[in-house]
Amino acid sequence: MSQDDLVKTAWRNVRSFTLFRVFFSARFYYPVYALLFLDYGLTLGQFGLLNAIWAITIVLLEVPSGALADTVGRRNLLIVAGICMLVEMVALLVAPIGGGGWLFAFFVFNRILSGAAEAAASGADEALAYDSLKAAGLENQWGRVLERVQRDTSLAFFFAMMTGAAVYDPDMVNAVLTFVGASFTVEQSQLIRLPILLTFFSGIVVFAMALRMKESPLEKTLTVRETLA
């Protein structure tokens, strides 16, 4: 691979890494997280248990995900993270509101997938972008890249918090509908899935950016060495 190709790959990966991290953090249901779970029909006890399942999943998969990154490649691990994010949102979109045992099963599935996505993405996106810059001799740009990613991620997180809270509030949504001249109004029950749907759209971008990344020559070399060892 020529130097020009290495530079193009590096900046392609940096842009993809930035968007991957930004949209992975854009969880529109976070500001109404507890309220949304309860509005679906879960109890407070189930809500606490689901949070425990999510945390345990991350802890159990954190180390294996690092080993998998060395074996199958960081790009493939990021693709898995994107798939997990999409499927976890689909699980909530199709979960039956007030569905009792089935509802809880859908949410357990969601929490496991969410934890798996967090573990798979943890560090793999950053390492892939850095190795790409290093292969191109541009590792001195890493500080600027991280600064921009942190800034953009913070802005995206703030936007997702404000938007998620707004679209879950029927008074806010109805005020906007009235302003634009709509002849109908909505109730709270009709808005439950809206923050989840917005997060699903974020997941589409996450998955697309994972597909867009390319493994750096440094990563390929390390993967081959790990396999031979």
C-alpha atoms as a PDB file:
ATOM      1  CA  MET A   1       0.000   0.000   0.000  1.00  0.00           C
ATOM      2  CA  SER A   2       1.420   3.393  -1.053  1.00  0.00           C
ATOM      3  CA  GLN A   3       1.863   6.309   1.324  1.00  0.00           C
ATOM      4  CA  ASP A   4      -1.017   8.160  -0.311  1.00  0.00           C
ATOM      5  CA  ASP A   5      -3.272   5.163   0.196  1.00  0.00           C
ATOM      6  CA  LEU A   6      -2.231   4.926   3.838  1.00  0.00           C
ATOM      7  CA  VAL A   7      -3.052   8.593   4.390  1.00  0.00           C
ATOM      8  CA  LYS A   8      -6.443   8.267   2.665  1.00  0.00           C
ATOM      9  CA  THR A   9      -7.276   5.183   4.714  1.00  0.00           C
ATOM     10  CA  ALA A  10      -6.203   6.915   7.917  1.00  0.00           C
ATOM     11  CA  TRP A  11      -8.433   9.947   7.441  1.00  0.00           C
ATOM     12  CA  ARG A  12     -11.295   7.777   6.191  1.00  0.00           C
ATOM     13  CA  ASN A  13     -11.055   5.771   9.399  1.00  0.00           C
ATOM     14  CA  VAL A  14     -10.817   8.909  11.511  1.00  0.00           C
ATOM     15  CA  ARG A  15     -13.992  10.354   9.986  1.00  0.00           C
ATOM     16  CA  SER A  16     -15.783   7.036  10.366  1.00  0.00           C
ATOM     17  CA  PHE A  17     -14.528   6.673  13.935  1.00  0.00           C
ATOM     18  CA  THR A  18     -15.831  10.146  14.783  1.00  0.00           C
ATOM     19  CA  LEU A  19     -19.311   9.448  13.429  1.00  0.00           C
ATOM     20  CA  PHE A  20     -19.330   5.951  14.949  1.00  0.00           C
ATOM     21  CA  ARG A  21     -18.565   7.334  18.408  1.00  0.00           C
ATOM     22  CA  VAL A  22     -20.975  10.285  18.034  1.00  0.00           C
ATOM     23  CA  PHE A  23     -23.992   8.222  16.988  1.00  0.00           C
ATOM     24  CA  PHE A  24     -23.189   5.329  19.325  1.00  0.00           C
ATOM     25  CA  SER A  25     -23.498   7.848  22.158  1.00  0.00           C
ATOM     26  CA  ALA A  26     -26.687   9.429  20.771  1.00  0.00           C
ATOM     27  CA  ARG A  27     -29.193   7.396  22.784  1.00  0.00           C
ATOM     28  CA  PHE A  28     -32.393   9.416  22.614  1.00  0.00           C
ATOM     29  CA  TYR A  29     -34.131   7.339  25.285  1.00  0.00           C
ATOM     30  CA  TYR A  30     -31.541   8.065  27.993  1.00  0.00           C
ATOM     31  CA  PRO A  31     -33.290  11.163  29.447  1.00  0.00           C
ATOM     32  CA  VAL A  32     -36.503   9.149  29.907  1.00  0.00           C
ATOM     33  CA  TYR A  33     -34.755   5.835  30.550  1.00  0.00           C
ATOM     34  CA  ALA A  34     -36.449   4.824  33.809  1.00  0.00           C
ATOM     35  CA  LEU A  35     -39.799   6.380  32.890  1.00  0.00           C
ATOM     36  CA  LEU A  36     -39.849   4.604  29.534  1.00  0.00           C
ATOM     37  CA  PHE A  37     -39.193   1.199  31.100  1.00  0.00           C
ATOM     38  CA  LEU A  38     -41.986   1.751  33.619  1.00  0.00           C
ATOM     39  CA  ASP A  39     -44.378   3.047  30.963  1.00  0.00           C
ATOM     40  CA  TYR A  40     -43.835  -0.190  29.052  1.00  0.00           C
ATOM     41  CA  GLY A  41     -45.247  -1.973  32.086  1.00  0.00           C
ATOM     42  CA  LEU A  42     -42.149  -3.112  33.978  1.00  0.00           C
ATOM     43  CA  THR A  43     -41.930  -2.926  37.765  1.00  0.00           C
ATOM     44  CA  LEU A  44     -39.231  -1.096  39.716  1.00  0.00           C
ATOM     45  CA  GLY A  45     -37.780  -4.449  40.752  1.00  0.00           C
ATOM     46  CA  GLN A  46     -37.541  -5.576  37.130  1.00  0.00           C
ATOM     47  CA  PHE A  47     -35.977  -2.248  36.180  1.00  0.00           C
ATOM     48  CA  GLY A  48     -33.232  -2.738  38.779  1.00  0.00           C
ATOM     49  CA  LEU A  49     -32.645  -6.332  37.684  1.00  0.00           C
ATOM     50  CA  LEU A  50     -32.336  -5.265  34.048  1.00  0.00           C
ATOM     51  CA  ASN A  51     -29.690  -2.694  34.954  1.00  0.00           C
ATOM     52  CA  ALA A  52     -27.757  -5.399  36.809  1.00  0.00           C
ATOM     53  CA  ILE A  53     -27.951  -7.724  33.787  1.00  0.00           C
ATOM     54  CA  TRP A  54     -26.618  -4.933  31.557  1.00  0.00           C
ATOM     55  CA  ALA A  55     -23.665  -4.200  33.861  1.00  0.00           C
ATOM     56  CA  ILE A  56     -22.799  -7.891  34.326  1.00  0.00           C
ATOM     57  CA  THR A  57     -22.872  -8.451  30.559  1.00  0.00           C
ATOM     58  CA  ILE A  58     -20.362  -5.652  29.997  1.00  0.00           C
ATOM     59  CA  VAL A  59     -18.035  -6.968  32.712  1.00  0.00           C
ATOM     60  CA  LEU A  60     -18.178 -10.561  31.432  1.00  0.00           C
ATOM     61  CA  LEU A  61     -17.598  -9.615  27.782  1.00  0.00           C
ATOM     62  CA  GLU A  62     -14.994  -6.854  28.231  1.00  0.00           C
ATOM     63  CA  VAL A  63     -11.945  -9.149  28.293  1.00  0.00           C
ATOM     64  CA  PRO A  64     -13.183 -11.643  25.646  1.00  0.00           C
ATOM     65  CA  SER A  65     -13.967  -8.751  23.319  1.00  0.00           C
ATOM     66  CA  GLY A  66     -10.358  -7.595  23.524  1.00  0.00           C
ATOM     67  CA  ALA A  67      -9.150 -11.074  22.604  1.00  0.00           C
ATOM     68  CA  LEU A  68     -11.638 -11.214  19.732  1.00  0.00           C
ATOM     69  CA  ALA A  69     -10.359  -7.881  18.423  1.00  0.00           C
ATOM     70  CA  ASP A  70      -6.878  -9.418  18.093  1.00  0.00           C
ATOM     71  CA  THR A  71      -8.290 -12.549  16.466  1.00  0.00           C
ATOM     72  CA  VAL A  72     -11.012 -11.424  14.076  1.00  0.00           C
ATOM     73  CA  GLY A  73      -9.996  -7.777  13.702  1.00  0.00           C
ATOM     74  CA  ARG A  74     -11.278  -4.557  15.214  1.00  0.00           C
ATOM     75  CA  ARG A  75     -13.386  -3.653  12.205  1.00  0.00           C
ATOM     76  CA  ASN A  76     -15.334  -6.908  12.465  1.00  0.00           C
ATOM     77  CA  LEU A  77     -15.848  -6.306  16.175  1.00  0.00           C
ATOM     78  CA  LEU A  78     -17.246  -2.834  15.433  1.00  0.00           C
ATOM     79  CA  ILE A  79     -19.608  -4.344  12.864  1.00  0.00           C
ATOM     80  CA  VAL A  80     -20.844  -6.711  15.586  1.00  0.00           C
ATOM     81  CA  ALA A  81     -21.352  -3.712  17.887  1.00  0.00           C
ATOM     82  CA  GLY A  82     -23.423  -1.980  15.212  1.00  0.00           C
ATOM     83  CA  ILE A  83     -25.559  -5.081  14.659  1.00  0.00           C
ATOM     84  CA  CYS A  84     -26.112  -5.464  18.402  1.00  0.00           C
ATOM     85  CA  MET A  85     -27.213  -1.826  18.663  1.00  0.00           C
ATOM     86  CA  LEU A  86     -29.728  -2.258  15.840  1.00  0.00           C
ATOM     87  CA  VAL A  87     -31.157  -5.521  17.170  1.00  0.00           C
ATOM     88  CA  GLU A  88     -31.415  -4.204  20.740  1.00  0.00           C
ATOM     89  CA  MET A  89     -33.522  -1.308  19.472  1.00  0.00           C
ATOM     90  CA  VAL A  90     -35.686  -3.626  17.377  1.00  0.00           C
ATOM     91  CA  ALA A  91     -36.322  -5.710  20.512  1.00  0.00           C
ATOM     92  CA  LEU A  92     -37.777  -2.644  22.244  1.00  0.00           C
ATOM     93  CA  LEU A  93     -39.719  -1.533  19.182  1.00  0.00           C
ATOM     94  CA  VAL A  94     -41.532  -4.869  18.956  1.00  0.00           C
ATOM     95  CA  ALA A  95     -41.815  -5.494  22.722  1.00  0.00           C
ATOM     96  CA  PRO A  96     -45.482  -5.715  23.786  1.00  0.00           C
ATOM     97  CA  ILE A  97     -46.445  -2.832  26.058  1.00  0.00           C
ATOM     98  CA  GLY A  98     -47.839  -4.284  29.263  1.00  0.00           C
ATOM     99  CA  GLY A  99     -46.907  -7.754  28.010  1.00  0.00           C
ATOM    100  CA  GLY A 100     -46.009  -9.290  31.365  1.00  0.00           C
ATOM    101  CA  GLY A 101     -43.468 -12.109  31.149  1.00  0.00           C
ATOM    102  CA  TRP A 102     -42.914 -11.667  27.439  1.00  0.00           C
ATOM    103  CA  LEU A 103     -42.233  -7.990  27.958  1.00  0.00           C
ATOM    104  CA  PHE A 104     -39.565  -8.743  30.550  1.00  0.00           C
ATOM    105  CA  ALA A 105     -37.983 -11.342  28.230  1.00  0.00           C
ATOM    106  CA  PHE A 106     -37.708  -8.755  25.435  1.00  0.00           C
ATOM    107  CA  PHE A 107     -36.049  -6.306  27.820  1.00  0.00           C
ATOM    108  CA  VAL A 108     -33.593  -8.933  29.117  1.00  0.00           C
ATOM    109  CA  PHE A 109     -32.645  -9.613  25.484  1.00  0.00           C
ATOM    110  CA  ASN A 110     -32.250  -5.876  24.941  1.00  0.00           C
ATOM    111  CA  ARG A 111     -30.005  -5.405  27.990  1.00  0.00           C
ATOM    112  CA  ILE A 112     -27.748  -8.315  27.021  1.00  0.00           C
ATOM    113  CA  LEU A 113     -27.352  -6.983  23.490  1.00  0.00           C
ATOM    114  CA  SER A 114     -26.754  -3.462  24.801  1.00  0.00           C
ATOM    115  CA  GLY A 115     -24.003  -4.717  27.114  1.00  0.00           C
ATOM    116  CA  ALA A 116     -22.482  -6.741  24.274  1.00  0.00           C
ATOM    117  CA  ALA A 117     -22.470  -3.668  22.027  1.00  0.00           C
ATOM    118  CA  GLU A 118     -20.746  -1.600  24.723  1.00  0.00           C
ATOM    119  CA  ALA A 119     -18.099  -4.295  25.275  1.00  0.00           C
ATOM    120  CA  ALA A 120     -17.496  -4.814  21.545  1.00  0.00           C
ATOM    121  CA  ALA A 121     -17.113  -1.093  20.813  1.00  0.00           C
ATOM    122  CA  SER A 122     -15.032  -0.335  23.907  1.00  0.00           C
ATOM    123  CA  GLY A 123     -11.623   0.771  22.677  1.00  0.00           C
ATOM    124  CA  ALA A 124     -11.813  -1.033  19.328  1.00  0.00           C
ATOM    125  CA  ASP A 125     -12.919   2.057  17.378  1.00  0.00           C
ATOM    126  CA  GLU A 126     -10.251   4.215  18.993  1.00  0.00           C
ATOM    127  CA  ALA A 127      -7.486   1.642  18.450  1.00  0.00           C
ATOM    128  CA  LEU A 128      -8.405   1.178  14.785  1.00  0.00           C
ATOM    129  CA  ALA A 129      -8.317   4.918  14.103  1.00  0.00           C
ATOM    130  CA  TYR A 130      -5.025   5.383  15.947  1.00  0.00           C
ATOM    131  CA  ASP A 131      -3.313   2.466  14.199  1.00  0.00           C
ATOM    132  CA  SER A 132      -4.419   3.857  10.848  1.00  0.00           C
ATOM    133  CA  LEU A 133      -2.818   7.214  11.653  1.00  0.00           C
ATOM    134  CA  LYS A 134       0.319   5.495  12.908  1.00  0.00           C
ATOM    135  CA  ALA A 135       0.634   3.423   9.734  1.00  0.00           C
ATOM    136  CA  ALA A 136       0.466   6.662   7.736  1.00  0.00           C
ATOM    137  CA  GLY A 137       3.008   8.392   9.988  1.00  0.00           C
ATOM    138  CA  LEU A 138       0.338  10.781  11.297  1.00  0.00           C
ATOM    139  CA  GLU A 139       0.191   9.664  14.927  1.00  0.00           C
ATOM    140  CA  ASN A 140       1.066  13.220  15.995  1.00  0.00           C
ATOM    141  CA  GLN A 141      -2.480  14.184  14.884  1.00  0.00           C
ATOM    142  CA  TRP A 142      -4.086  11.840  17.403  1.00  0.00           C
ATOM    143  CA  GLY A 143      -4.459  14.476  20.108  1.00  0.00           C
ATOM    144  CA  ARG A 144      -6.406  16.762  17.784  1.00  0.00           C
ATOM    145  CA  VAL A 145      -8.571  13.854  16.628  1.00  0.00           C
ATOM    146  CA  LEU A 146      -9.468  12.887  20.197  1.00  0.00           C
ATOM    147  CA  GLU A 147     -10.230  16.503  21.085  1.00  0.00           C
ATOM    148  CA  ARG A 148     -12.645  16.804  18.175  1.00  0.00           C
ATOM    149  CA  VAL A 149     -14.274  13.446  18.884  1.00  0.00           C
ATOM    150  CA  GLN A 150     -14.830  14.331  22.542  1.00  0.00           C
ATOM    151  CA  ARG A 151     -16.303  17.703  21.579  1.00  0.00           C
ATOM    152  CA  ASP A 152     -18.611  16.264  18.914  1.00  0.00           C
ATOM    153  CA  THR A 153     -19.674  13.386  21.167  1.00  0.00           C
ATOM    154  CA  SER A 154     -20.561  15.788  23.968  1.00  0.00           C
ATOM    155  CA  LEU A 155     -22.630  17.939  21.598  1.00  0.00           C
ATOM    156  CA  ALA A 156     -24.398  14.891  20.173  1.00  0.00           C
ATOM    157  CA  PHE A 157     -25.112  13.565  23.661  1.00  0.00           C
ATOM    158  CA  PHE A 158     -26.604  16.914  24.698  1.00  0.00           C
ATOM    159  CA  PHE A 159     -28.712  17.065  21.524  1.00  0.00           C
ATOM    160  CA  ALA A 160     -29.960  13.502  22.087  1.00  0.00           C
ATOM    161  CA  MET A 161     -30.866  14.300  25.698  1.00  0.00           C
ATOM    162  CA  MET A 162     -32.849  17.396  24.768  1.00  0.00           C
ATOM    163  CA  THR A 163     -34.535  15.802  21.764  1.00  0.00           C
ATOM    164  CA  GLY A 164     -35.353  12.558  23.560  1.00  0.00           C
ATOM    165  CA  ALA A 165     -36.963  14.404  26.458  1.00  0.00           C
ATOM    166  CA  ALA A 166     -38.920  16.691  24.094  1.00  0.00           C
ATOM    167  CA  VAL A 167     -40.374  13.963  21.869  1.00  0.00           C
ATOM    168  CA  TYR A 168     -41.506  12.007  24.949  1.00  0.00           C
ATOM    169  CA  ASP A 169     -43.500  14.957  26.285  1.00  0.00           C
ATOM    170  CA  PRO A 170     -47.019  15.049  24.741  1.00  0.00           C
ATOM    171  CA  ASP A 171     -47.467  18.698  25.701  1.00  0.00           C
ATOM    172  CA  MET A 172     -44.308  19.652  23.813  1.00  0.00           C
ATOM    173  CA  VAL A 173     -45.164  17.523  20.791  1.00  0.00           C
ATOM    174  CA  ASN A 174     -48.740  18.827  20.659  1.00  0.00           C
ATOM    175  CA  ALA A 175     -47.509  22.413  20.897  1.00  0.00           C
ATOM    176  CA  VAL A 176     -45.300  21.810  17.863  1.00  0.00           C
ATOM    177  CA  LEU A 177     -48.162  20.128  15.995  1.00  0.00           C
ATOM    178  CA  THR A 178     -50.402  23.093  16.722  1.00  0.00           C
ATOM    179  CA  PHE A 179     -47.721  25.517  15.577  1.00  0.00           C
ATOM    180  CA  VAL A 180     -47.347  23.757  12.214  1.00  0.00           C
ATOM    181  CA  GLY A 181     -51.116  23.621  11.758  1.00  0.00           C
ATOM    182  CA  ALA A 182     -51.704  19.901  12.320  1.00  0.00           C
ATOM    183  CA  SER A 183     -55.317  18.866  12.902  1.00  0.00           C
ATOM    184  CA  PHE A 184     -54.541  16.101  15.386  1.00  0.00           C
ATOM    185  CA  THR A 185     -52.887  15.626  18.756  1.00  0.00           C
ATOM    186  CA  VAL A 186     -51.004  12.737  20.361  1.00  0.00           C
ATOM    187  CA  GLU A 187     -51.117  11.042  23.744  1.00  0.00           C
ATOM    188  CA  GLN A 188     -48.297   9.711  25.902  1.00  0.00           C
ATOM    189  CA  SER A 189     -48.992   6.113  24.869  1.00  0.00           C
ATOM    190  CA  GLN A 190     -48.321   7.038  21.242  1.00  0.00           C
ATOM    191  CA  LEU A 191     -44.880   8.477  22.045  1.00  0.00           C
ATOM    192  CA  ILE A 192     -43.370   5.618  24.047  1.00  0.00           C
ATOM    193  CA  ARG A 193     -41.472   4.122  21.107  1.00  0.00           C
ATOM    194  CA  LEU A 194     -40.401   7.421  19.498  1.00  0.00           C
ATOM    195  CA  PRO A 195     -37.061   7.886  21.374  1.00  0.00           C
ATOM    196  CA  ILE A 196     -36.273   4.228  20.641  1.00  0.00           C
ATOM    197  CA  LEU A 197     -36.987   4.733  16.941  1.00  0.00           C
ATOM    198  CA  LEU A 198     -34.647   7.734  16.848  1.00  0.00           C
ATOM    199  CA  THR A 199     -31.948   5.644  18.513  1.00  0.00           C
ATOM    200  CA  PHE A 200     -32.524   2.923  15.917  1.00  0.00           C
ATOM    201  CA  PHE A 201     -31.722   5.502  13.228  1.00  0.00           C
ATOM    202  CA  SER A 202     -28.518   6.312  15.135  1.00  0.00           C
ATOM    203  CA  GLY A 203     -27.737   2.594  15.060  1.00  0.00           C
ATOM    204  CA  ILE A 204     -28.023   2.584  11.278  1.00  0.00           C
ATOM    205  CA  VAL A 205     -25.304   5.247  11.092  1.00  0.00           C
ATOM    206  CA  VAL A 206     -23.158   3.323  13.592  1.00  0.00           C
ATOM    207  CA  PHE A 207     -23.433   0.154  11.496  1.00  0.00           C
ATOM    208  CA  ALA A 208     -22.695   2.047   8.267  1.00  0.00           C
ATOM    209  CA  MET A 209     -19.582   3.662   9.758  1.00  0.00           C
ATOM    210  CA  ALA A 210     -18.328   0.284  10.997  1.00  0.00           C
ATOM    211  CA  LEU A 211     -18.676  -1.089   7.465  1.00  0.00           C
ATOM    212  CA  ARG A 212     -16.892   1.981   6.074  1.00  0.00           C
ATOM    213  CA  MET A 213     -13.777   1.504   8.198  1.00  0.00           C
ATOM    214  CA  LYS A 214     -10.745  -0.346   6.894  1.00  0.00           C
ATOM    215  CA  GLU A 215      -8.243  -2.326   8.915  1.00  0.00           C
ATOM    216  CA  SER A 216      -4.825  -0.723   9.030  1.00  0.00           C
ATOM    217  CA  PRO A 217      -1.674  -2.623   7.974  1.00  0.00           C
ATOM    218  CA  LEU A 218      -0.544  -2.465  11.616  1.00  0.00           C
ATOM    219  CA  GLU A 219      -3.684  -4.223  12.801  1.00  0.00           C
ATOM    220  CA  LYS A 220      -3.429  -6.898  10.119  1.00  0.00           C
ATOM    221  CA  THR A 221       0.154  -7.622  11.126  1.00  0.00           C
ATOM    222  CA  LEU A 222      -0.756  -7.897  14.808  1.00  0.00           C
ATOM    223  CA  THR A 223      -3.691 -10.187  13.996  1.00  0.00           C
ATOM    224  CA  VAL A 224      -1.496 -12.528  11.961  1.00  0.00           C
ATOM    225  CA  ARG A 225       1.092 -12.653  14.737  1.00  0.00           C
ATOM    226  CA  GLU A 226      -1.541 -13.415  17.357  1.00  0.00           C
ATOM    227  CA  THR A 227      -2.952 -16.207  15.180  1.00  0.00           C
ATOM    228  CA  LEU A 228       0.472 -17.791  14.586  1.00  0.00           C
ATOM    229  CA  ALA A 229       1.313 -17.536  18.296  1.00  0.00           C
END
